[in-house]
C-alpha atoms as a PDB file:
ATOM      1  CA  UNK A   1       0.000   0.000   0.000  1.00  0.00           C
ATOM      2  CA  UNK A   2       1.193   3.489  -0.849  1.00  0.00           C
ATOM      3  CA  UNK A   3      -0.377   6.815  -0.061  1.00  0.00           C
ATOM      4  CA  UNK A   4       0.300  10.446  -0.780  1.00  0.00           C
ATOM      5  CA  UNK A   5      -1.243  13.817   0.009  1.00  0.00           C
ATOM      6  CA  UNK A   6      -2.056  15.838  -3.101  1.00  0.00           C
ATOM      7  CA  UNK A   7      -3.692  19.184  -3.767  1.00  0.00           C
ATOM      8  CA  UNK A   8      -6.467  19.232  -6.368  1.00  0.00           C
ATOM      9  CA  UNK A   9      -5.662  21.867  -9.007  1.00  0.00           C
ATOM     10  CA  UNK A  10      -8.616  21.259 -11.318  1.00  0.00           C
ATOM     11  CA  UNK A  11     -10.631  24.477 -11.638  1.00  0.00           C
ATOM     12  CA  UNK A  12     -13.865  22.570 -11.066  1.00  0.00           C
ATOM     13  CA  UNK A  13     -12.392  20.369  -8.357  1.00  0.00           C
ATOM     14  CA  UNK A  14     -13.522  16.745  -8.428  1.00  0.00           C
ATOM     15  CA  UNK A  15     -17.216  17.335  -8.945  1.00  0.00           C
ATOM     16  CA  UNK A  16     -19.642  16.317 -11.705  1.00  0.00           C
ATOM     17  CA  UNK A  17     -17.783  15.774 -15.008  1.00  0.00           C
ATOM     18  CA  UNK A  18     -14.266  15.803 -13.563  1.00  0.00           C
ATOM     19  CA  UNK A  19     -15.284  13.298 -10.868  1.00  0.00           C
ATOM     20  CA  UNK A  20     -16.730  10.992 -13.526  1.00  0.00           C
ATOM     21  CA  UNK A  21     -13.506  11.193 -15.541  1.00  0.00           C
ATOM     22  CA  UNK A  22     -11.458  10.573 -12.382  1.00  0.00           C
ATOM     23  CA  UNK A  23     -13.520   7.435 -11.684  1.00  0.00           C
ATOM     24  CA  UNK A  24     -13.011   6.272 -15.286  1.00  0.00           C
ATOM     25  CA  UNK A  25      -9.252   6.725 -14.932  1.00  0.00           C
ATOM     26  CA  UNK A  26      -9.200   4.892 -11.588  1.00  0.00           C
ATOM     27  CA  UNK A  27     -11.051   1.963 -13.140  1.00  0.00           C
ATOM     28  CA  UNK A  28      -8.181   1.391 -15.595  1.00  0.00           C
ATOM     29  CA  UNK A  29      -6.165  -0.079 -12.714  1.00  0.00           C
ATOM     30  CA  UNK A  30      -6.623  -3.317 -10.830  1.00  0.00           C
ATOM     31  CA  UNK A  31      -5.358  -1.794  -7.570  1.00  0.00           C
ATOM     32  CA  UNK A  32      -7.763  -0.630  -4.893  1.00  0.00           C
ATOM     33  CA  UNK A  33      -7.836   3.185  -5.014  1.00  0.00           C
ATOM     34  CA  UNK A  34      -9.319   5.277  -2.231  1.00  0.00           C
ATOM     35  CA  UNK A  35      -9.424   9.001  -1.683  1.00  0.00           C
ATOM     36  CA  UNK A  36      -9.743  10.605   1.714  1.00  0.00           C
ATOM     37  CA  UNK A  37     -10.877  14.130   2.522  1.00  0.00           C
ATOM     38  CA  UNK A  38     -10.815  15.083   6.189  1.00  0.00           C
ATOM     39  CA  UNK A  39     -12.015  11.944   7.980  1.00  0.00           C
ATOM     40  CA  UNK A  40     -14.096  10.533   5.128  1.00  0.00           C
ATOM     41  CA  UNK A  41     -12.561   7.869   2.880  1.00  0.00           C
ATOM     42  CA  UNK A  42     -14.301   6.635  -0.280  1.00  0.00           C
ATOM     43  CA  UNK A  43     -13.668   4.235  -3.134  1.00  0.00           C
ATOM     44  CA  UNK A  44     -12.211   6.308  -5.996  1.00  0.00           C
ATOM     45  CA  UNK A  45     -13.791   3.890  -8.469  1.00  0.00           C
ATOM     46  CA  UNK A  46     -17.300   4.842  -7.302  1.00  0.00           C
ATOM     47  CA  UNK A  47     -18.986   7.937  -8.720  1.00  0.00           C
ATOM     48  CA  UNK A  48     -21.403   8.031  -5.790  1.00  0.00           C
ATOM     49  CA  UNK A  49     -18.518   7.914  -3.336  1.00  0.00           C
ATOM     50  CA  UNK A  50     -16.647  10.654  -5.161  1.00  0.00           C
ATOM     51  CA  UNK A  51     -19.693  12.901  -5.343  1.00  0.00           C
ATOM     52  CA  UNK A  52     -20.368  12.394  -1.632  1.00  0.00           C
ATOM     53  CA  UNK A  53     -17.122  14.073  -0.568  1.00  0.00           C
ATOM     54  CA  UNK A  54     -17.398  17.094  -2.914  1.00  0.00           C
ATOM     55  CA  UNK A  55     -13.724  17.937  -3.442  1.00  0.00           C
ATOM     56  CA  UNK A  56     -13.155  21.549  -4.452  1.00  0.00           C
ATOM     57  CA  UNK A  57     -10.181  23.094  -6.221  1.00  0.00           C
ATOM     58  CA  UNK A  58      -7.304  23.841  -3.852  1.00  0.00           C
ATOM     59  CA  UNK A  59      -8.291  21.172  -1.314  1.00  0.00           C
ATOM     60  CA  UNK A  60      -5.770  18.599  -0.136  1.00  0.00           C
ATOM     61  CA  UNK A  61      -6.743  14.939  -0.247  1.00  0.00           C
ATOM     62  CA  UNK A  62      -5.006  11.677   0.555  1.00  0.00           C
ATOM     63  CA  UNK A  63      -4.723   9.086  -2.220  1.00  0.00           C
ATOM     64  CA  UNK A  64      -4.417   5.529  -0.907  1.00  0.00           C
ATOM     65  CA  UNK A  65      -3.562   2.806  -3.410  1.00  0.00           C
ATOM     66  CA  UNK A  66      -2.883  -0.885  -2.885  1.00  0.00           C
ATOM     67  CA  UNK A  67      -2.421  -3.625  -5.431  1.00  0.00           C
ATOM     68  CA  UNK A  68      -0.206  -4.956  -8.182  1.00  0.00           C
ATOM     69  CA  UNK A  69      -0.103  -1.721 -10.216  1.00  0.00           C
ATOM     70  CA  UNK A  70      -0.231   0.693  -7.266  1.00  0.00           C
ATOM     71  CA  UNK A  71       2.711   2.894  -8.309  1.00  0.00           C
ATOM     72  CA  UNK A  72       1.378   3.378 -11.817  1.00  0.00           C
ATOM     73  CA  UNK A  73      -2.126   4.015 -10.491  1.00  0.00           C
ATOM     74  CA  UNK A  74      -0.951   6.545  -7.899  1.00  0.00           C
ATOM     75  CA  UNK A  75       1.079   8.440 -10.497  1.00  0.00           C
ATOM     76  CA  UNK A  76      -1.885   8.566 -12.889  1.00  0.00           C
ATOM     77  CA  UNK A  77      -4.293   9.790 -10.193  1.00  0.00           C
ATOM     78  CA  UNK A  78      -1.809  12.437  -9.034  1.00  0.00           C
ATOM     79  CA  UNK A  79      -1.339  13.629 -12.619  1.00  0.00           C
ATOM     80  CA  UNK A  80      -5.110  13.802 -13.099  1.00  0.00           C
ATOM     81  CA  UNK A  81      -5.775  16.072 -10.109  1.00  0.00           C
ATOM     82  CA  UNK A  82      -2.698  18.202 -10.856  1.00  0.00           C
ATOM     83  CA  UNK A  83      -4.152  19.457 -14.134  1.00  0.00           C
ATOM     84  CA  UNK A  84      -5.595  22.962 -14.268  1.00  0.00           C
ATOM     85  CA  UNK A  85      -8.488  21.851 -16.438  1.00  0.00           C
ATOM     86  CA  UNK A  86      -9.762  18.828 -18.323  1.00  0.00           C
ATOM     87  CA  UNK A  87      -9.987  19.052 -22.090  1.00  0.00           C
END
């Protein structure tokens, strides 16, 4: 298991469309991917979970990844939230 704190730079945060795209990206990996905001941790492969924590731009979250492709998955998720905007 690996974990890392990251700041969400997406202008829209991880809400609505960007959350759906984040979930799609997370589902490319076999590792378990969770995201934690404050004391609430959700499955990053679940749109309902992602919407329930309403992550805004500039907020810090903890990415927690465990599985066979955890390093690749963590790097991809970090890169996703580090973008300014999604094209």
